[in-house]
Amino acid sequence: MDIIMRANKKHFNEEVDNVCEALGELVRERYAGEIAEAALNANKKLNSLILQLSELGRTDDILKSAADPEYQQKLFEEFNL
């Protein structure tokens, strides 16, 4: 089998690329809704955090949160988000 693959390397690589592309398209189609919903939920969560921090006058925390994902996670936990 190895000799067949080496002899037809270009054709084999093209077929692998086609299969990978088809699988990628199937995954995107299958999970497009879930991905969009997760992105929307993440945006809502972040916007809620920003609004709450703003209402409390914690603008420095908004900026720090934008620059530091670990700090942002701590703030999510602090605000039960």
N, C-alpha and C. Protein backbone atom coordinates (compact mmCIF):
# COMPACT_ATOMS: atom_id res chain seq x y z
N MET A 1 0.83 -1.19 0.00
CA MET A 1 0.00 0.00 0.00
C MET A 1 0.87 1.25 0.00
N ASP A 2 1.97 1.21 0.75
CA ASP A 2 2.85 2.37 0.84
C ASP A 2 3.42 2.73 -0.52
N ILE A 3 3.78 1.75 -1.30
CA ILE A 3 4.36 2.02 -2.62
C ILE A 3 3.32 2.66 -3.54
N ILE A 4 2.07 2.25 -3.39
CA ILE A 4 0.99 2.84 -4.19
C ILE A 4 0.81 4.31 -3.81
N MET A 5 0.83 4.57 -2.51
CA MET A 5 0.65 5.95 -2.04
C MET A 5 1.80 6.83 -2.50
N ARG A 6 3.03 6.31 -2.44
CA ARG A 6 4.18 7.11 -2.86
C ARG A 6 4.14 7.38 -4.36
N ALA A 7 3.72 6.39 -5.12
CA ALA A 7 3.66 6.54 -6.57
C ALA A 7 2.58 7.55 -6.98
N ASN A 8 1.56 7.67 -6.18
CA ASN A 8 0.44 8.57 -6.49
C ASN A 8 0.32 9.68 -5.45
N LYS A 9 1.46 10.14 -4.98
CA LYS A 9 1.48 11.09 -3.86
C LYS A 9 0.64 12.34 -4.15
N LYS A 10 0.79 12.93 -5.32
CA LYS A 10 0.05 14.15 -5.64
C LYS A 10 -1.45 13.87 -5.61
N HIS A 11 -1.86 12.80 -6.25
CA HIS A 11 -3.29 12.45 -6.28
C HIS A 11 -3.79 12.16 -4.86
N PHE A 12 -3.01 11.42 -4.09
CA PHE A 12 -3.39 11.08 -2.71
C PHE A 12 -3.53 12.35 -1.87
N ASN A 13 -2.57 13.26 -1.98
CA ASN A 13 -2.62 14.51 -1.22
C ASN A 13 -3.83 15.35 -1.60
N GLU A 14 -4.17 15.36 -2.89
CA GLU A 14 -5.36 16.10 -3.34
C GLU A 14 -6.62 15.49 -2.73
N GLU A 15 -6.68 14.17 -2.69
CA GLU A 15 -7.85 13.50 -2.11
C GLU A 15 -7.95 13.78 -0.62
N VAL A 16 -6.83 13.76 0.07
CA VAL A 16 -6.82 14.07 1.50
C VAL A 16 -7.30 15.49 1.72
N ASP A 17 -6.81 16.43 0.90
CA ASP A 17 -7.25 17.82 1.02
C ASP A 17 -8.75 17.94 0.79
N ASN A 18 -9.27 17.21 -0.20
CA ASN A 18 -10.71 17.26 -0.49
C ASN A 18 -11.52 16.71 0.68
N VAL A 19 -11.06 15.62 1.25
CA VAL A 19 -11.76 15.03 2.39
C VAL A 19 -11.72 15.98 3.58
N CYS A 20 -10.57 16.57 3.85
CA CYS A 20 -10.45 17.52 4.97
C CYS A 20 -11.36 18.73 4.76
N GLU A 21 -11.40 19.23 3.54
CA GLU A 21 -12.26 20.37 3.24
C GLU A 21 -13.73 20.01 3.43
N ALA A 22 -14.12 18.82 2.97
CA ALA A 22 -15.51 18.38 3.12
C ALA A 22 -15.87 18.20 4.59
N LEU A 23 -14.97 17.62 5.37
CA LEU A 23 -15.23 17.46 6.80
C LEU A 23 -15.34 18.80 7.50
N GLY A 24 -14.47 19.73 7.14
CA GLY A 24 -14.54 21.07 7.72
C GLY A 24 -15.86 21.74 7.42
N GLU A 25 -16.33 21.59 6.19
CA GLU A 25 -17.62 22.18 5.81
C GLU A 25 -18.77 21.54 6.58
N LEU A 26 -18.72 20.22 6.74
CA LEU A 26 -19.76 19.53 7.51
C LEU A 26 -19.78 20.00 8.96
N VAL A 27 -18.62 20.15 9.55
CA VAL A 27 -18.54 20.61 10.94
C VAL A 27 -19.08 22.03 11.06
N ARG A 28 -18.68 22.90 10.13
CA ARG A 28 -19.18 24.29 10.17
C ARG A 28 -20.69 24.33 10.04
N GLU A 29 -21.24 23.54 9.11
CA GLU A 29 -22.69 23.52 8.92
C GLU A 29 -23.39 22.97 10.16
N ARG A 30 -22.85 21.90 10.72
CA ARG A 30 -23.48 21.24 11.85
C ARG A 30 -23.48 22.12 13.10
N TYR A 31 -22.40 22.83 13.32
CA TYR A 31 -22.26 23.57 14.57
C TYR A 31 -22.39 25.09 14.41
N ALA A 32 -22.78 25.56 13.25
CA ALA A 32 -22.88 27.00 13.01
C ALA A 32 -23.82 27.66 14.00
N GLY A 33 -24.97 27.06 14.24
CA GLY A 33 -25.94 27.63 15.18
C GLY A 33 -25.40 27.67 16.59
N GLU A 34 -24.78 26.58 17.02
CA GLU A 34 -24.23 26.52 18.37
C GLU A 34 -23.11 27.53 18.56
N ILE A 35 -22.27 27.68 17.54
CA ILE A 35 -21.17 28.63 17.62
C ILE A 35 -21.70 30.06 17.70
N ALA A 36 -22.69 30.37 16.87
CA ALA A 36 -23.27 31.71 16.89
C ALA A 36 -23.93 32.00 18.23
N GLU A 37 -24.63 31.01 18.78
CA GLU A 37 -25.29 31.19 20.08
C GLU A 37 -24.26 31.38 21.19
N ALA A 38 -23.19 30.61 21.16
CA ALA A 38 -22.14 30.75 22.17
C ALA A 38 -21.49 32.14 22.09
N ALA A 39 -21.26 32.61 20.88
CA ALA A 39 -20.66 33.94 20.71
C ALA A 39 -21.61 35.02 21.24
N LEU A 40 -22.90 34.87 20.96
CA LEU A 40 -23.89 35.84 21.45
C LEU A 40 -23.93 35.84 22.97
N ASN A 41 -23.92 34.65 23.57
CA ASN A 41 -23.93 34.55 25.03
C ASN A 41 -22.67 35.16 25.65
N ALA A 42 -21.53 34.94 25.02
CA ALA A 42 -20.28 35.52 25.52
C ALA A 42 -20.34 37.04 25.46
N ASN A 43 -20.89 37.57 24.37
CA ASN A 43 -21.03 39.03 24.26
C ASN A 43 -21.96 39.59 25.32
N LYS A 44 -23.07 38.90 25.56
CA LYS A 44 -24.02 39.35 26.58
C LYS A 44 -23.37 39.35 27.96
N LYS A 45 -22.60 38.30 28.23
CA LYS A 45 -21.92 38.18 29.52
C LYS A 45 -20.92 39.32 29.72
N LEU A 46 -20.13 39.58 28.69
CA LEU A 46 -19.14 40.65 28.78
C LEU A 46 -19.82 42.01 28.90
N ASN A 47 -20.88 42.24 28.11
CA ASN A 47 -21.59 43.51 28.20
C ASN A 47 -22.20 43.72 29.57
N SER A 48 -22.72 42.66 30.16
CA SER A 48 -23.28 42.75 31.51
C SER A 48 -22.20 43.14 32.51
N LEU A 49 -21.04 42.52 32.39
CA LEU A 49 -19.93 42.86 33.27
C LEU A 49 -19.54 44.32 33.13
N ILE A 50 -19.41 44.77 31.89
CA ILE A 50 -19.01 46.16 31.64
C ILE A 50 -20.03 47.13 32.23
N LEU A 51 -21.32 46.86 32.03
CA LEU A 51 -22.36 47.74 32.56
C LEU A 51 -22.33 47.78 34.09
N GLN A 52 -22.18 46.62 34.71
CA GLN A 52 -22.15 46.58 36.17
C GLN A 52 -20.93 47.32 36.72
N LEU A 53 -19.78 47.10 36.10
CA LEU A 53 -18.58 47.81 36.55
C LEU A 53 -18.72 49.32 36.34
N SER A 54 -19.31 49.70 35.22
CA SER A 54 -19.51 51.11 34.93
C SER A 54 -20.43 51.77 35.96
N GLU A 55 -21.51 51.07 36.31
CA GLU A 55 -22.45 51.60 37.30
C GLU A 55 -21.79 51.81 38.66
N LEU A 56 -20.78 50.99 38.94
CA LEU A 56 -20.06 51.09 40.21
C LEU A 56 -18.86 52.04 40.12
N GLY A 57 -18.66 52.63 38.95
CA GLY A 57 -17.53 53.54 38.78
C GLY A 57 -16.19 52.84 38.69
N ARG A 58 -16.21 51.57 38.35
CA ARG A 58 -14.97 50.78 38.31
C ARG A 58 -14.40 50.73 36.89
N THR A 59 -14.18 51.89 36.31
CA THR A 59 -13.69 51.94 34.93
C THR A 59 -12.29 51.35 34.79
N ASP A 60 -11.48 51.47 35.81
CA ASP A 60 -10.14 50.86 35.75
C ASP A 60 -10.24 49.34 35.62
N ASP A 61 -11.24 48.75 36.28
CA ASP A 61 -11.44 47.31 36.17
C ASP A 61 -11.90 46.91 34.77
N ILE A 62 -12.66 47.77 34.12
CA ILE A 62 -13.09 47.50 32.75
C ILE A 62 -11.86 47.41 31.85
N LEU A 63 -10.96 48.37 31.98
CA LEU A 63 -9.75 48.39 31.16
C LEU A 63 -8.84 47.21 31.48
N LYS A 64 -8.67 46.93 32.77
CA LYS A 64 -7.81 45.81 33.17
C LYS A 64 -8.39 44.49 32.68
N SER A 65 -9.71 44.37 32.75
CA SER A 65 -10.40 43.17 32.29
C SER A 65 -10.19 42.94 30.80
N ALA A 66 -10.19 44.02 30.04
CA ALA A 66 -10.00 43.91 28.59
C ALA A 66 -8.59 43.44 28.24
N ALA A 67 -7.63 43.76 29.09
CA ALA A 67 -6.23 43.41 28.82
C ALA A 67 -5.80 42.09 29.46
N ASP A 68 -6.55 41.61 30.45
CA ASP A 68 -6.13 40.45 31.23
C ASP A 68 -7.27 39.44 31.37
N PRO A 69 -7.26 38.38 30.55
CA PRO A 69 -8.34 37.39 30.59
C PRO A 69 -8.53 36.72 31.96
N GLU A 70 -7.45 36.51 32.69
CA GLU A 70 -7.57 35.90 34.02
C GLU A 70 -8.30 36.84 34.98
N TYR A 71 -7.99 38.12 34.90
CA TYR A 71 -8.67 39.09 35.75
C TYR A 71 -10.14 39.19 35.36
N GLN A 72 -10.39 39.14 34.06
CA GLN A 72 -11.77 39.17 33.58
C GLN A 72 -12.56 37.99 34.14
N GLN A 73 -11.96 36.82 34.15
CA GLN A 73 -12.63 35.64 34.70
C GLN A 73 -12.94 35.83 36.18
N LYS A 74 -12.02 36.43 36.92
CA LYS A 74 -12.26 36.70 38.35
C LYS A 74 -13.44 37.65 38.52
N LEU A 75 -13.54 38.63 37.63
CA LEU A 75 -14.67 39.56 37.70
C LEU A 75 -15.99 38.85 37.36
N PHE A 76 -15.96 37.96 36.38
CA PHE A 76 -17.16 37.18 36.06
C PHE A 76 -17.63 36.42 37.30
N GLU A 77 -16.68 35.83 38.00
CA GLU A 77 -17.02 35.08 39.22
C GLU A 77 -17.54 36.02 40.31
N GLU A 78 -16.90 37.18 40.45
CA GLU A 78 -17.33 38.15 41.46
C GLU A 78 -18.78 38.59 41.23
N PHE A 79 -19.16 38.75 39.97
CA PHE A 79 -20.50 39.22 39.63
C PHE A 79 -21.45 38.07 39.27
N ASN A 80 -21.02 36.84 39.55
CA ASN A 80 -21.84 35.65 39.27
C ASN A 80 -22.32 35.59 37.83
N LEU A 81 -21.41 35.82 36.93
CA LEU A 81 -21.74 35.77 35.50
C LEU A 81 -21.16 34.53 34.86
